[in-house]
Each structure stands twice: as C-alpha cells, then as structure tokens.
C-alpha cells in the first residue's frame, strides 16, 4: 500500500493514503526511514502475526484460569 507523508512533527508524522477519502494515519516520527521528508511516498505493509496472536491468547487464558482458581 502506498502512502504520502503529509507533515512531519517532532514526535508525530501524518501520512495520507491516496485514493482513500480522509484516510490519515498518525505514526511516531521515529518510525520514518532516515532521510524522509514531506511529500515522500512510502510503501506500507501490515501483516497478521498468527504465532504471536496465539501465544498472547494462550497467556491470557492461563491468567484467567489462575484467577478463577484463586
């Protein structure tokens, strides 16, 4: 997915997804690639981490079971 850097602040950067009306994302400026500036086009990728999700669900289930036993 392509995104355009709209503005860069000290801590927050606003990026816009072209073609998606009013879709703006605020991200930490520290996540920008070095040398990024306003108007640059970024490639964004979002992936589901199934293993980490399963691990987190198992951990929560264990915590709930421990609370019920108490």
PDB file of N, CA and C in Angstrom:
ATOM      1  N   UNK A   1       0.850  -1.158   0.000  1.00  0.00           N
ATOM      2  CA  UNK A   1       0.000   0.000   0.000  1.00  0.00           C
ATOM      3  C   UNK A   1       0.901   1.229   0.000  1.00  0.00           C
ATOM      4  N   UNK A   2       0.548   2.199  -0.795  1.00  0.00           N
ATOM      5  CA  UNK A   2       1.333   3.434  -0.876  1.00  0.00           C
ATOM      6  C   UNK A   2       0.721   4.492   0.039  1.00  0.00           C
ATOM      7  N   UNK A   3       1.560   5.311   0.608  1.00  0.00           N
ATOM      8  CA  UNK A   3       1.140   6.417   1.467  1.00  0.00           C
ATOM      9  C   UNK A   3       2.065   7.599   1.203  1.00  0.00           C
ATOM     10  N   UNK A   4       1.553   8.794   1.457  1.00  0.00           N
ATOM     11  CA  UNK A   4       2.327  10.012   1.241  1.00  0.00           C
ATOM     12  C   UNK A   4       2.505  10.718   2.583  1.00  0.00           C
ATOM     13  N   UNK A   5       3.724  11.159   2.860  1.00  0.00           N
ATOM     14  CA  UNK A   5       3.968  11.921   4.084  1.00  0.00           C
ATOM     15  C   UNK A   5       3.367  13.307   3.907  1.00  0.00           C
ATOM     16  N   UNK A   6       2.365  13.621   4.727  1.00  0.00           N
ATOM     17  CA  UNK A   6       1.692  14.918   4.669  1.00  0.00           C
ATOM     18  C   UNK A   6       2.483  15.961   5.454  1.00  0.00           C
ATOM     19  N   UNK A   7       2.797  15.631   6.700  1.00  0.00           N
ATOM     20  CA  UNK A   7       3.599  16.553   7.515  1.00  0.00           C
ATOM     21  C   UNK A   7       4.331  15.763   8.594  1.00  0.00           C
ATOM     22  N   UNK A   8       5.494  16.273   8.942  1.00  0.00           N
ATOM     23  CA  UNK A   8       6.340  15.636   9.943  1.00  0.00           C
ATOM     24  C   UNK A   8       6.471  16.574  11.137  1.00  0.00           C
ATOM     25  N   UNK A   9       6.076  16.078  12.304  1.00  0.00           N
ATOM     26  CA  UNK A   9       6.248  16.826  13.538  1.00  0.00           C
ATOM     27  C   UNK A   9       7.406  16.243  14.329  1.00  0.00           C
ATOM     28  N   UNK A  10       7.686  16.843  15.465  1.00  0.00           N
ATOM     29  CA  UNK A  10       8.785  16.346  16.300  1.00  0.00           C
ATOM     30  C   UNK A  10       8.556  14.912  16.737  1.00  0.00           C
ATOM     31  N   UNK A  11       7.307  14.594  17.093  1.00  0.00           N
ATOM     32  CA  UNK A  11       7.026  13.247  17.596  1.00  0.00           C
ATOM     33  C   UNK A  11       6.048  12.473  16.715  1.00  0.00           C
ATOM     34  N   UNK A  12       5.188  13.173  15.989  1.00  0.00           N
ATOM     35  CA  UNK A  12       4.148  12.523  15.187  1.00  0.00           C
ATOM     36  C   UNK A  12       4.242  12.950  13.729  1.00  0.00           C
ATOM     37  N   UNK A  13       4.083  11.985  12.844  1.00  0.00           N
ATOM     38  CA  UNK A  13       4.032  12.244  11.404  1.00  0.00           C
ATOM     39  C   UNK A  13       2.648  11.858  10.904  1.00  0.00           C
ATOM     40  N   UNK A  14       2.093  12.673  10.032  1.00  0.00           N
ATOM     41  CA  UNK A  14       0.799  12.382   9.421  1.00  0.00           C
ATOM     42  C   UNK A  14       1.048  11.866   8.014  1.00  0.00           C
ATOM     43  N   UNK A  15       0.522  10.684   7.733  1.00  0.00           N
ATOM     44  CA  UNK A  15       0.612  10.150   6.380  1.00  0.00           C
ATOM     45  C   UNK A  15      -0.798   9.984   5.824  1.00  0.00           C
ATOM     46  N   UNK A  16      -0.916  10.119   4.511  1.00  0.00           N
ATOM     47  CA  UNK A  16      -2.203  10.064   3.828  1.00  0.00           C
ATOM     48  C   UNK A  16      -2.166   8.890   2.861  1.00  0.00           C
ATOM     49  N   UNK A  17      -3.280   8.156   2.816  1.00  0.00           N
ATOM     50  CA  UNK A  17      -3.412   7.052   1.867  1.00  0.00           C
ATOM     51  C   UNK A  17      -4.121   7.598   0.627  1.00  0.00           C
ATOM     52  N   UNK A  18      -3.449   7.701  -0.499  1.00  0.00           N
ATOM     53  CA  UNK A  18      -4.068   8.237  -1.710  1.00  0.00           C
ATOM     54  C   UNK A  18      -5.259   7.384  -2.152  1.00  0.00           C
ATOM     55  N   UNK A  19      -6.288   8.066  -2.636  1.00  0.00           N
ATOM     56  CA  UNK A  19      -7.462   7.361  -3.124  1.00  0.00           C
ATOM     57  C   UNK A  19      -8.438   6.966  -2.038  1.00  0.00           C
ATOM     58  N   UNK A  20      -8.076   7.142  -0.804  1.00  0.00           N
ATOM     59  CA  UNK A  20      -8.960   6.839   0.317  1.00  0.00           C
ATOM     60  C   UNK A  20      -9.338   8.161   0.973  1.00  0.00           C
ATOM     61  N   UNK A  21     -10.564   8.589   0.747  1.00  0.00           N
ATOM     62  CA  UNK A  21     -11.022   9.894   1.228  1.00  0.00           C
ATOM     63  C   UNK A  21     -10.841  10.024   2.739  1.00  0.00           C
ATOM     64  N   UNK A  22     -10.132  11.052   3.120  1.00  0.00           N
ATOM     65  CA  UNK A  22      -9.928  11.405   4.528  1.00  0.00           C
ATOM     66  C   UNK A  22      -9.208  10.340   5.354  1.00  0.00           C
ATOM     67  N   UNK A  23      -8.500   9.430   4.720  1.00  0.00           N
ATOM     68  CA  UNK A  23      -7.772   8.425   5.491  1.00  0.00           C
ATOM     69  C   UNK A  23      -6.377   8.934   5.788  1.00  0.00           C
ATOM     70  N   UNK A  24      -6.182   9.309   7.044  1.00  0.00           N
ATOM     71  CA  UNK A  24      -4.894   9.809   7.521  1.00  0.00           C
ATOM     72  C   UNK A  24      -4.471   8.953   8.702  1.00  0.00           C
ATOM     73  N   UNK A  25      -3.194   8.683   8.754  1.00  0.00           N
ATOM     74  CA  UNK A  25      -2.636   7.919   9.860  1.00  0.00           C
ATOM     75  C   UNK A  25      -1.589   8.760  10.569  1.00  0.00           C
ATOM     76  N   UNK A  26      -1.645   8.748  11.885  1.00  0.00           N
ATOM     77  CA  UNK A  26      -0.617   9.393  12.699  1.00  0.00           C
ATOM     78  C   UNK A  26       0.320   8.303  13.181  1.00  0.00           C
ATOM     79  N   UNK A  27       1.585   8.441  12.868  1.00  0.00           N
ATOM     80  CA  UNK A  27       2.573   7.463  13.306  1.00  0.00           C
ATOM     81  C   UNK A  27       3.709   8.185  14.016  1.00  0.00           C
ATOM     82  N   UNK A  28       4.427   7.488  14.881  1.00  0.00           N
ATOM     83  CA  UNK A  28       5.583   8.120  15.511  1.00  0.00           C
ATOM     84  C   UNK A  28       6.621   8.509  14.447  1.00  0.00           C
ATOM     85  N   UNK A  29       7.105   9.719  14.519  1.00  0.00           N
ATOM     86  CA  UNK A  29       8.105  10.188  13.553  1.00  0.00           C
ATOM     87  C   UNK A  29       9.357   9.325  13.566  1.00  0.00           C
ATOM     88  N   UNK A  30       9.647   8.722  14.703  1.00  0.00           N
ATOM     89  CA  UNK A  30      10.832   7.873  14.823  1.00  0.00           C
ATOM     90  C   UNK A  30      10.749   6.640  13.918  1.00  0.00           C
ATOM     91  N   UNK A  31       9.556   6.282  13.449  1.00  0.00           N
ATOM     92  CA  UNK A  31       9.406   5.110  12.583  1.00  0.00           C
ATOM     93  C   UNK A  31       9.704   5.403  11.116  1.00  0.00           C
ATOM     94  N   UNK A  32       9.872   6.677  10.774  1.00  0.00           N
ATOM     95  CA  UNK A  32      10.149   7.031   9.382  1.00  0.00           C
ATOM     96  C   UNK A  32      11.545   6.565   8.974  1.00  0.00           C
ATOM     97  N   UNK A  33      11.677   6.151   7.720  1.00  0.00           N
ATOM     98  CA  UNK A  33      13.025   5.827   7.245  1.00  0.00           C
ATOM     99  C   UNK A  33      13.910   7.080   7.274  1.00  0.00           C
ATOM    100  N   UNK A  34      15.183   6.895   7.490  1.00  0.00           N
ATOM    101  CA  UNK A  34      16.116   8.019   7.516  1.00  0.00           C
ATOM    102  C   UNK A  34      16.017   8.806   6.214  1.00  0.00           C
ATOM    103  N   UNK A  35      16.041  10.115   6.334  1.00  0.00           N
ATOM    104  CA  UNK A  35      16.009  10.986   5.170  1.00  0.00           C
ATOM    105  C   UNK A  35      14.626  11.279   4.633  1.00  0.00           C
ATOM    106  N   UNK A  36      13.584  10.788   5.297  1.00  0.00           N
ATOM    107  CA  UNK A  36      12.211  11.038   4.834  1.00  0.00           C
ATOM    108  C   UNK A  36      11.850  12.501   4.974  1.00  0.00           C
ATOM    109  N   UNK A  37      11.027  12.983   4.036  1.00  0.00           N
ATOM    110  CA  UNK A  37      10.561  14.368   4.123  1.00  0.00           C
ATOM    111  C   UNK A  37       9.134  14.444   3.592  1.00  0.00           C
ATOM    112  N   UNK A  38       8.489  15.577   3.862  1.00  0.00           N
ATOM    113  CA  UNK A  38       7.114  15.775   3.435  1.00  0.00           C
ATOM    114  C   UNK A  38       7.005  15.593   1.927  1.00  0.00           C
ATOM    115  N   UNK A  39       5.966  14.892   1.503  1.00  0.00           N
ATOM    116  CA  UNK A  39       5.752  14.629   0.091  1.00  0.00           C
ATOM    117  C   UNK A  39       6.334  13.303  -0.379  1.00  0.00           C
ATOM    118  N   UNK A  40       7.201  12.701   0.434  1.00  0.00           N
ATOM    119  CA  UNK A  40       7.758  11.398   0.056  1.00  0.00           C
ATOM    120  C   UNK A  40       6.655  10.347   0.034  1.00  0.00           C
ATOM    121  N   UNK A  41       6.804   9.381  -0.858  1.00  0.00           N
ATOM    122  CA  UNK A  41       5.871   8.264  -0.938  1.00  0.00           C
ATOM    123  C   UNK A  41       6.490   7.077  -0.214  1.00  0.00           C
ATOM    124  N   UNK A  42       5.689   6.468   0.651  1.00  0.00           N
ATOM    125  CA  UNK A  42       6.132   5.313   1.434  1.00  0.00           C
ATOM    126  C   UNK A  42       5.373   4.072   0.990  1.00  0.00           C
ATOM    127  N   UNK A  43       5.967   2.928   1.166  1.00  0.00           N
ATOM    128  CA  UNK A  43       5.271   1.664   0.989  1.00  0.00           C
ATOM    129  C   UNK A  43       4.975   1.112   2.373  1.00  0.00           C
ATOM    130  N   UNK A  44       3.683   0.880   2.672  1.00  0.00           N
ATOM    131  CA  UNK A  44       3.265   0.358   3.975  1.00  0.00           C
ATOM    132  C   UNK A  44       2.877  -1.100   3.836  1.00  0.00           C
ATOM    133  N   UNK A  45       3.166  -1.844   4.880  1.00  0.00           N
ATOM    134  CA  UNK A  45       2.788  -3.253   4.913  1.00  0.00           C
ATOM    135  C   UNK A  45       2.282  -3.578   6.309  1.00  0.00           C
ATOM    136  N   UNK A  46       1.145  -4.248   6.373  1.00  0.00           N
ATOM    137  CA  UNK A  46       0.592  -4.686   7.648  1.00  0.00           C
ATOM    138  C   UNK A  46       0.331  -6.178   7.530  1.00  0.00           C
ATOM    139  N   UNK A  47       0.888  -6.940   8.445  1.00  0.00           N
ATOM    140  CA  UNK A  47       0.743  -8.386   8.412  1.00  0.00           C
ATOM    141  C   UNK A  47       0.257  -8.884   9.763  1.00  0.00           C
ATOM    142  N   UNK A  48      -0.568  -9.908   9.727  1.00  0.00           N
ATOM    143  CA  UNK A  48      -1.033 -10.555  10.951  1.00  0.00           C
ATOM    144  C   UNK A  48       0.028 -11.559  11.388  1.00  0.00           C
ATOM    145  N   UNK A  49       0.403 -11.510  12.665  1.00  0.00           N
ATOM    146  CA  UNK A  49       1.375 -12.453  13.220  1.00  0.00           C
ATOM    147  C   UNK A  49       0.593 -13.516  13.983  1.00  0.00           C
ATOM    148  N   UNK A  50       0.280 -14.599  13.286  1.00  0.00           N
ATOM    149  CA  UNK A  50      -0.566 -15.643  13.869  1.00  0.00           C
ATOM    150  C   UNK A  50       0.079 -16.302  15.089  1.00  0.00           C
ATOM    151  N   UNK A  51       1.360 -16.561  15.027  1.00  0.00           N
ATOM    152  CA  UNK A  51       2.046 -17.205  16.153  1.00  0.00           C
ATOM    153  C   UNK A  51       2.004 -16.327  17.402  1.00  0.00           C
ATOM    154  N   UNK A  52       2.283 -15.024  17.241  1.00  0.00           N
ATOM    155  CA  UNK A  52       2.252 -14.112  18.389  1.00  0.00           C
ATOM    156  C   UNK A  52       0.833 -13.959  18.921  1.00  0.00           C
ATOM    157  N   UNK A  53      -0.158 -13.946  18.040  1.00  0.00           N
ATOM    158  CA  UNK A  53      -1.558 -13.838  18.455  1.00  0.00           C
ATOM    159  C   UNK A  53      -1.947 -15.061  19.277  1.00  0.00           C
ATOM    160  N   UNK A  54      -1.599 -16.240  18.796  1.00  0.00           N
ATOM    161  CA  UNK A  54      -1.920 -17.477  19.526  1.00  0.00           C
ATOM    162  C   UNK A  54      -1.231 -17.512  20.881  1.00  0.00           C
ATOM    163  N   UNK A  55       0.010 -17.061  20.929  1.00  0.00           N
ATOM    164  CA  UNK A  55       0.760 -17.040  22.183  1.00  0.00           C
ATOM    165  C   UNK A  55       0.101 -16.079  23.182  1.00  0.00           C
ATOM    166  N   UNK A  56      -0.305 -14.911  22.726  1.00  0.00           N
ATOM    167  CA  UNK A  56      -0.960 -13.937  23.597  1.00  0.00           C
ATOM    168  C   UNK A  56      -2.293 -14.476  24.105  1.00  0.00           C
ATOM    169  N   UNK A  57      -3.061 -15.122  23.240  1.00  0.00           N
ATOM    170  CA  UNK A  57      -4.343 -15.690  23.662  1.00  0.00           C
ATOM    171  C   UNK A  57      -4.144 -16.788  24.698  1.00  0.00           C
ATOM    172  N   UNK A  58      -3.128 -17.616  24.508  1.00  0.00           N
ATOM    173  CA  UNK A  58      -2.839 -18.676  25.462  1.00  0.00           C
ATOM    174  C   UNK A  58      -2.418 -18.094  26.809  1.00  0.00           C
ATOM    175  N   UNK A  59      -1.598 -17.037  26.779  1.00  0.00           N
ATOM    176  CA  UNK A  59      -1.148 -16.393  28.011  1.00  0.00           C
ATOM    177  C   UNK A  59      -2.330 -15.804  28.776  1.00  0.00           C
ATOM    178  N   UNK A  60      -3.240 -15.155  28.075  1.00  0.00           N
ATOM    179  CA  UNK A  60      -4.422 -14.572  28.717  1.00  0.00           C
ATOM    180  C   UNK A  60      -5.306 -15.679  29.285  1.00  0.00           C
ATOM    181  N   UNK A  61      -5.462 -16.756  28.550  1.00  0.00           N
ATOM    182  CA  UNK A  61      -6.274 -17.882  29.040  1.00  0.00           C
ATOM    183  C   UNK A  61      -5.691 -18.464  30.321  1.00  0.00           C
ATOM    184  N   UNK A  62      -4.354 -18.580  30.378  1.00  0.00           N
ATOM    185  CA  UNK A  62      -3.714 -19.081  31.599  1.00  0.00           C
ATOM    186  C   UNK A  62      -3.937 -18.117  32.768  1.00  0.00           C
ATOM    187  N   UNK A  63      -3.823 -16.812  32.522  1.00  0.00           N
ATOM    188  CA  UNK A  63      -4.049 -15.829  33.582  1.00  0.00           C
ATOM    189  C   UNK A  63      -5.479 -15.884  34.100  1.00  0.00           C
ATOM    190  N   UNK A  64      -6.435 -16.027  33.198  1.00  0.00           N
ATOM    191  CA  UNK A  64      -7.841 -16.128  33.615  1.00  0.00           C
ATOM    192  C   UNK A  64      -8.063 -17.393  34.429  1.00  0.00           C
ATOM    193  N   UNK A  65      -7.487 -18.490  33.984  1.00  0.00           N
ATOM    194  CA  UNK A  65      -7.623 -19.749  34.725  1.00  0.00           C
ATOM    195  C   UNK A  65      -7.018 -19.618  36.108  1.00  0.00           C
ATOM    196  N   UNK A  66      -5.879 -18.955  36.232  1.00  0.00           N
ATOM    197  CA  UNK A  66      -5.253 -18.736  37.553  1.00  0.00           C
ATOM    198  C   UNK A  66      -6.149 -17.894  38.456  1.00  0.00           C
ATOM    199  N   UNK A  67      -6.787 -16.877  37.881  1.00  0.00           N
ATOM    200  CA  UNK A  67      -7.682 -16.030  38.689  1.00  0.00           C
ATOM    201  C   UNK A  67      -8.911 -16.798  39.159  1.00  0.00           C
ATOM    202  N   UNK A  68      -9.421 -17.658  38.322  1.00  0.00           N
ATOM    203  CA  UNK A  68     -10.604 -18.443  38.702  1.00  0.00           C
ATOM    204  C   UNK A  68     -10.274 -19.414  39.813  1.00  0.00           C
ATOM    205  N   UNK A  69      -9.065 -19.981  39.787  1.00  0.00           N
ATOM    206  CA  UNK A  69      -8.656 -20.938  40.820  1.00  0.00           C
ATOM    207  C   UNK A  69      -8.444 -20.271  42.177  1.00  0.00           C
ATOM    208  N   UNK A  70      -8.171 -18.986  42.177  1.00  0.00           N
ATOM    209  CA  UNK A  70      -7.866 -18.290  43.446  1.00  0.00           C
ATOM    210  C   UNK A  70      -9.067 -18.040  44.243  1.00  0.00           C
TER     211      UNK A  70
END
